[in-house]
Amino acid sequence: MSAELPPQIQNQIAQIQQIQQQAQALLNQKGQIEMMLRETKTAVKEIEASDEGAVMYKSAGEVLLRADRSALLEELTDKKDVLDLRLKTLNKQEERIKSRFNQLQEQLKQSLGQMPPTAT
């Protein structure tokens, strides 16, 4: 069937498929960032709820290292801020991809509507 389609329409279909792949990759990234953000927020809450003198450890690869509570809290708060910013960026990218997808889909509909009917 693709041999019967004009090159312009084939190109539009290829662009739509590329946008769909980008959207899928973006959703995967977004899911990872959301999971990391949830974990980081939970860790911050746990540290904030702990006593000042509580012994804290942080993971460094496969080793647990003793960590200063305030330094650990600051590190995790910074990480949370970075993840929040990254998530906002991904949301903006998602909106742009959706908009571009809708635009390409509309162009394809118009192009297909202008095609002369084929004899069957």
N, C-alpha and C. Protein backbone atom coordinates (compact mmCIF):
# COMPACT_ATOMS: atom_id res chain seq x y z
N MET A 1 0.83 -1.19 0.00
CA MET A 1 0.00 0.00 0.00
C MET A 1 0.86 1.25 0.00
N SER A 2 2.01 1.23 0.70
CA SER A 2 2.85 2.43 0.77
C SER A 2 3.42 2.80 -0.60
N ALA A 3 3.51 1.84 -1.52
CA ALA A 3 4.00 2.15 -2.85
C ALA A 3 2.99 3.00 -3.60
N GLU A 4 1.71 2.91 -3.20
CA GLU A 4 0.67 3.67 -3.86
C GLU A 4 0.56 5.10 -3.31
N LEU A 5 1.11 5.34 -2.14
CA LEU A 5 1.00 6.65 -1.51
C LEU A 5 2.06 7.60 -2.07
N PRO A 6 1.68 8.85 -2.27
CA PRO A 6 2.66 9.85 -2.73
C PRO A 6 3.77 10.05 -1.68
N PRO A 7 4.94 10.46 -2.12
CA PRO A 7 6.07 10.65 -1.19
C PRO A 7 5.75 11.62 -0.04
N GLN A 8 4.97 12.63 -0.30
CA GLN A 8 4.61 13.60 0.75
C GLN A 8 3.87 12.91 1.89
N ILE A 9 2.93 12.06 1.54
CA ILE A 9 2.14 11.35 2.56
C ILE A 9 3.01 10.33 3.28
N GLN A 10 3.87 9.64 2.56
CA GLN A 10 4.79 8.70 3.19
C GLN A 10 5.68 9.43 4.21
N ASN A 11 6.11 10.63 3.84
CA ASN A 11 6.94 11.43 4.73
C ASN A 11 6.16 11.84 5.99
N GLN A 12 4.92 12.23 5.80
CA GLN A 12 4.09 12.62 6.95
C GLN A 12 3.87 11.44 7.89
N ILE A 13 3.64 10.27 7.33
CA ILE A 13 3.46 9.07 8.15
C ILE A 13 4.75 8.77 8.92
N ALA A 14 5.88 8.91 8.27
CA ALA A 14 7.17 8.67 8.93
C ALA A 14 7.38 9.67 10.08
N GLN A 15 7.00 10.92 9.86
CA GLN A 15 7.13 11.93 10.91
C GLN A 15 6.24 11.60 12.11
N ILE A 16 5.03 11.14 11.85
CA ILE A 16 4.11 10.77 12.92
C ILE A 16 4.69 9.60 13.72
N GLN A 17 5.25 8.62 13.02
CA GLN A 17 5.85 7.48 13.71
C GLN A 17 7.04 7.92 14.56
N GLN A 18 7.82 8.85 14.05
CA GLN A 18 8.96 9.36 14.81
C GLN A 18 8.49 10.10 16.07
N ILE A 19 7.45 10.90 15.93
CA ILE A 19 6.89 11.62 17.08
C ILE A 19 6.36 10.62 18.12
N GLN A 20 5.73 9.54 17.66
CA GLN A 20 5.24 8.53 18.59
C GLN A 20 6.39 7.88 19.36
N GLN A 21 7.50 7.62 18.69
CA GLN A 21 8.67 7.05 19.36
C GLN A 21 9.24 8.03 20.37
N GLN A 22 9.29 9.29 20.01
CA GLN A 22 9.79 10.31 20.95
C GLN A 22 8.87 10.40 22.17
N ALA A 23 7.57 10.33 21.95
CA ALA A 23 6.61 10.39 23.05
C ALA A 23 6.79 9.20 23.99
N GLN A 24 7.02 8.03 23.42
CA GLN A 24 7.21 6.83 24.25
C GLN A 24 8.48 6.95 25.09
N ALA A 25 9.56 7.41 24.47
CA ALA A 25 10.83 7.59 25.20
C ALA A 25 10.65 8.63 26.31
N LEU A 26 9.92 9.68 26.02
CA LEU A 26 9.67 10.73 27.01
C LEU A 26 8.85 10.18 28.19
N LEU A 27 7.85 9.38 27.89
CA LEU A 27 7.04 8.79 28.96
C LEU A 27 7.87 7.87 29.84
N ASN A 28 8.79 7.13 29.24
CA ASN A 28 9.67 6.27 30.02
C ASN A 28 10.55 7.10 30.96
N GLN A 29 11.13 8.16 30.41
CA GLN A 29 11.97 9.06 31.21
C GLN A 29 11.17 9.68 32.34
N LYS A 30 9.97 10.12 32.01
CA LYS A 30 9.11 10.78 32.99
C LYS A 30 8.77 9.82 34.13
N GLY A 31 8.49 8.58 33.80
CA GLY A 31 8.20 7.58 34.81
C GLY A 31 9.38 7.35 35.75
N GLN A 32 10.57 7.31 35.20
CA GLN A 32 11.77 7.13 36.02
C GLN A 32 11.97 8.31 36.95
N ILE A 33 11.81 9.52 36.42
CA ILE A 33 12.00 10.73 37.22
C ILE A 33 10.95 10.79 38.33
N GLU A 34 9.71 10.45 38.01
CA GLU A 34 8.64 10.47 39.01
C GLU A 34 8.94 9.48 40.13
N MET A 35 9.45 8.30 39.77
CA MET A 35 9.78 7.29 40.79
C MET A 35 10.93 7.79 41.68
N MET A 36 11.96 8.36 41.07
CA MET A 36 13.08 8.89 41.84
C MET A 36 12.62 10.02 42.76
N LEU A 37 11.72 10.84 42.26
CA LEU A 37 11.21 11.96 43.04
C LEU A 37 10.41 11.46 44.25
N ARG A 38 9.56 10.46 44.04
CA ARG A 38 8.81 9.89 45.16
C ARG A 38 9.75 9.32 46.23
N GLU A 39 10.77 8.59 45.78
CA GLU A 39 11.73 8.00 46.72
C GLU A 39 12.48 9.08 47.49
N THR A 40 12.87 10.13 46.79
CA THR A 40 13.62 11.22 47.42
C THR A 40 12.74 11.96 48.43
N LYS A 41 11.49 12.23 48.07
CA LYS A 41 10.58 12.91 49.00
C LYS A 41 10.35 12.06 50.25
N THR A 42 10.21 10.77 50.06
CA THR A 42 10.02 9.87 51.21
C THR A 42 11.25 9.91 52.12
N ALA A 43 12.43 9.88 51.52
CA ALA A 43 13.67 9.93 52.31
C ALA A 43 13.78 11.24 53.07
N VAL A 44 13.43 12.35 52.44
CA VAL A 44 13.48 13.67 53.10
C VAL A 44 12.52 13.68 54.30
N LYS A 45 11.30 13.18 54.09
CA LYS A 45 10.33 13.14 55.18
C LYS A 45 10.84 12.30 56.36
N GLU A 46 11.44 11.16 56.05
CA GLU A 46 11.96 10.29 57.10
C GLU A 46 13.09 10.97 57.88
N ILE A 47 13.96 11.65 57.18
CA ILE A 47 15.07 12.34 57.85
C ILE A 47 14.53 13.48 58.71
N GLU A 48 13.58 14.24 58.16
CA GLU A 48 13.00 15.35 58.92
C GLU A 48 12.28 14.86 60.18
N ALA A 49 11.71 13.67 60.11
CA ALA A 49 10.98 13.12 61.25
C ALA A 49 11.90 12.49 62.29
N SER A 50 13.17 12.30 61.92
CA SER A 50 14.10 11.65 62.85
C SER A 50 14.68 12.67 63.84
N ASP A 51 15.23 12.14 64.92
CA ASP A 51 15.87 12.98 65.93
C ASP A 51 17.15 13.59 65.38
N GLU A 52 17.51 14.75 65.93
CA GLU A 52 18.75 15.43 65.52
C GLU A 52 19.97 14.52 65.66
N GLY A 53 20.03 13.76 66.72
CA GLY A 53 21.20 12.93 66.99
C GLY A 53 21.15 11.55 66.37
N ALA A 54 20.12 11.28 65.56
CA ALA A 54 19.97 9.95 64.97
C ALA A 54 21.13 9.65 64.03
N VAL A 55 21.58 8.42 64.06
CA VAL A 55 22.67 7.98 63.19
C VAL A 55 22.08 7.74 61.80
N MET A 56 22.70 8.34 60.79
CA MET A 56 22.22 8.24 59.41
C MET A 56 23.28 7.55 58.56
N TYR A 57 22.80 6.83 57.56
CA TYR A 57 23.69 6.18 56.61
C TYR A 57 23.16 6.50 55.21
N LYS A 58 24.09 6.53 54.27
CA LYS A 58 23.66 6.69 52.88
C LYS A 58 24.39 5.65 52.05
N SER A 59 23.76 5.28 50.99
CA SER A 59 24.29 4.25 50.11
C SER A 59 25.27 4.86 49.12
N ALA A 60 26.43 4.21 49.00
CA ALA A 60 27.42 4.59 47.99
C ALA A 60 27.77 3.31 47.25
N GLY A 61 27.01 3.03 46.20
CA GLY A 61 27.19 1.77 45.51
C GLY A 61 26.63 0.65 46.37
N GLU A 62 27.49 -0.30 46.73
CA GLU A 62 27.03 -1.41 47.57
C GLU A 62 27.47 -1.24 49.02
N VAL A 63 27.93 -0.05 49.36
CA VAL A 63 28.44 0.23 50.70
C VAL A 63 27.56 1.28 51.36
N LEU A 64 27.29 1.09 52.65
CA LEU A 64 26.59 2.10 53.43
C LEU A 64 27.61 2.91 54.20
N LEU A 65 27.53 4.22 54.07
CA LEU A 65 28.45 5.11 54.76
C LEU A 65 27.69 5.95 55.78
N ARG A 66 28.32 6.16 56.92
CA ARG A 66 27.71 7.02 57.92
C ARG A 66 27.69 8.45 57.36
N ALA A 67 26.57 9.15 57.58
CA ALA A 67 26.42 10.49 57.01
C ALA A 67 25.89 11.46 58.06
N ASP A 68 26.27 12.69 57.92
CA ASP A 68 25.77 13.75 58.78
C ASP A 68 24.33 14.05 58.40
N ARG A 69 23.43 14.12 59.38
CA ARG A 69 22.01 14.32 59.13
C ARG A 69 21.73 15.58 58.32
N SER A 70 22.30 16.70 58.72
CA SER A 70 22.02 17.97 58.02
C SER A 70 22.58 17.95 56.60
N ALA A 71 23.76 17.37 56.42
CA ALA A 71 24.34 17.30 55.08
C ALA A 71 23.51 16.38 54.19
N LEU A 72 23.05 15.29 54.76
CA LEU A 72 22.23 14.35 54.00
C LEU A 72 20.89 14.98 53.63
N LEU A 73 20.31 15.71 54.57
CA LEU A 73 19.04 16.39 54.30
C LEU A 73 19.21 17.44 53.20
N GLU A 74 20.29 18.18 53.26
CA GLU A 74 20.56 19.19 52.23
C GLU A 74 20.78 18.53 50.87
N GLU A 75 21.53 17.46 50.85
CA GLU A 75 21.80 16.74 49.60
C GLU A 75 20.52 16.22 48.97
N LEU A 76 19.66 15.63 49.79
CA LEU A 76 18.40 15.09 49.27
C LEU A 76 17.43 16.19 48.85
N THR A 77 17.43 17.30 49.58
CA THR A 77 16.58 18.43 49.20
C THR A 77 17.03 19.01 47.86
N ASP A 78 18.33 19.12 47.66
CA ASP A 78 18.85 19.59 46.37
C ASP A 78 18.47 18.62 45.26
N LYS A 79 18.59 17.33 45.53
CA LYS A 79 18.23 16.31 44.54
C LYS A 79 16.75 16.43 44.18
N LYS A 80 15.91 16.63 45.20
CA LYS A 80 14.46 16.78 44.98
C LYS A 80 14.17 17.99 44.10
N ASP A 81 14.87 19.09 44.35
CA ASP A 81 14.68 20.31 43.55
C ASP A 81 15.07 20.07 42.09
N VAL A 82 16.17 19.37 41.89
CA VAL A 82 16.63 19.07 40.52
C VAL A 82 15.62 18.16 39.82
N LEU A 83 15.12 17.16 40.53
CA LEU A 83 14.15 16.25 39.94
C LEU A 83 12.83 16.96 39.63
N ASP A 84 12.41 17.88 40.50
CA ASP A 84 11.21 18.68 40.23
C ASP A 84 11.38 19.49 38.95
N LEU A 85 12.53 20.11 38.81
CA LEU A 85 12.81 20.91 37.62
C LEU A 85 12.83 20.04 36.37
N ARG A 86 13.45 18.87 36.48
CA ARG A 86 13.52 17.95 35.34
C ARG A 86 12.11 17.49 34.94
N LEU A 87 11.27 17.23 35.94
CA LEU A 87 9.91 16.80 35.65
C LEU A 87 9.11 17.90 34.96
N LYS A 88 9.30 19.14 35.38
CA LYS A 88 8.62 20.27 34.72
C LYS A 88 9.07 20.38 33.27
N THR A 89 10.36 20.19 33.04
CA THR A 89 10.90 20.24 31.68
C THR A 89 10.30 19.13 30.82
N LEU A 90 10.21 17.93 31.37
CA LEU A 90 9.63 16.81 30.63
C LEU A 90 8.16 17.05 30.34
N ASN A 91 7.44 17.67 31.27
CA ASN A 91 6.03 17.99 31.03
C ASN A 91 5.88 18.97 29.88
N LYS A 92 6.77 19.96 29.82
CA LYS A 92 6.74 20.92 28.71
C LYS A 92 7.05 20.24 27.39
N GLN A 93 8.04 19.34 27.40
CA GLN A 93 8.38 18.60 26.19
C GLN A 93 7.20 17.73 25.75
N GLU A 94 6.52 17.13 26.72
CA GLU A 94 5.37 16.29 26.41
C GLU A 94 4.27 17.11 25.73
N GLU A 95 4.04 18.31 26.22
CA GLU A 95 3.02 19.17 25.61
C GLU A 95 3.41 19.55 24.17
N ARG A 96 4.68 19.85 23.96
CA ARG A 96 5.14 20.18 22.61
C ARG A 96 5.00 18.99 21.66
N ILE A 97 5.31 17.80 22.15
CA ILE A 97 5.19 16.60 21.32
C ILE A 97 3.73 16.33 20.98
N LYS A 98 2.85 16.48 21.97
CA LYS A 98 1.41 16.28 21.71
C LYS A 98 0.91 17.27 20.66
N SER A 99 1.34 18.51 20.80
CA SER A 99 0.92 19.54 19.85
C SER A 99 1.42 19.22 18.44
N ARG A 100 2.67 18.82 18.35
CA ARG A 100 3.26 18.48 17.05
C ARG A 100 2.56 17.26 16.45
N PHE A 101 2.26 16.28 17.30
CA PHE A 101 1.56 15.08 16.82
C PHE A 101 0.20 15.45 16.25
N ASN A 102 -0.55 16.26 16.98
CA ASN A 102 -1.87 16.68 16.51
C ASN A 102 -1.77 17.46 15.20
N GLN A 103 -0.76 18.31 15.09
CA GLN A 103 -0.55 19.08 13.87
C GLN A 103 -0.25 18.16 12.69
N LEU A 104 0.64 17.21 12.89
CA LEU A 104 0.99 16.28 11.81
C LEU A 104 -0.20 15.39 11.44
N GLN A 105 -0.96 14.99 12.43
CA GLN A 105 -2.13 14.15 12.18
C GLN A 105 -3.16 14.91 11.33
N GLU A 106 -3.35 16.18 11.64
CA GLU A 106 -4.29 17.00 10.88
C GLU A 106 -3.79 17.20 9.44
N GLN A 107 -2.49 17.44 9.28
CA GLN A 107 -1.92 17.58 7.93
C GLN A 107 -2.11 16.30 7.12
N LEU A 108 -1.91 15.16 7.78
CA LEU A 108 -2.06 13.89 7.09
C LEU A 108 -3.51 13.68 6.66
N LYS A 109 -4.45 14.02 7.53
CA LYS A 109 -5.87 13.90 7.18
C LYS A 109 -6.20 14.76 5.97
N GLN A 110 -5.66 15.98 5.96
CA GLN A 110 -5.91 16.88 4.82
C GLN A 110 -5.30 16.31 3.54
N SER A 111 -4.08 15.80 3.65
CA SER A 111 -3.40 15.23 2.48
C SER A 111 -4.16 14.02 1.95
N LEU A 112 -4.62 13.18 2.86
CA LEU A 112 -5.36 11.99 2.43
C LEU A 112 -6.71 12.38 1.82
N GLY A 113 -7.30 13.46 2.34
CA GLY A 113 -8.58 13.92 1.80
C GLY A 113 -8.43 14.50 0.41
N GLN A 114 -7.24 14.97 0.04
CA GLN A 114 -7.01 15.56 -1.28
C GLN A 114 -6.58 14.54 -2.30
N MET A 115 -6.32 13.32 -1.86
CA MET A 115 -5.90 12.28 -2.81
C MET A 115 -7.04 11.89 -3.71
N PRO A 116 -6.75 11.69 -4.99
CA PRO A 116 -7.81 11.24 -5.90
C PRO A 116 -8.19 9.80 -5.55
N PRO A 117 -9.46 9.47 -5.69
CA PRO A 117 -9.87 8.10 -5.38
C PRO A 117 -9.19 7.12 -6.33
N THR A 118 -8.88 5.93 -5.83
CA THR A 118 -8.22 4.92 -6.65
C THR A 118 -9.28 3.96 -7.17
N ALA A 119 -9.07 3.49 -8.37
CA ALA A 119 -10.00 2.54 -8.98
C ALA A 119 -9.75 1.17 -8.38
N THR A 120 -10.82 0.52 -8.00
CA THR A 120 -10.68 -0.83 -7.43
C THR A 120 -11.37 -1.85 -8.26
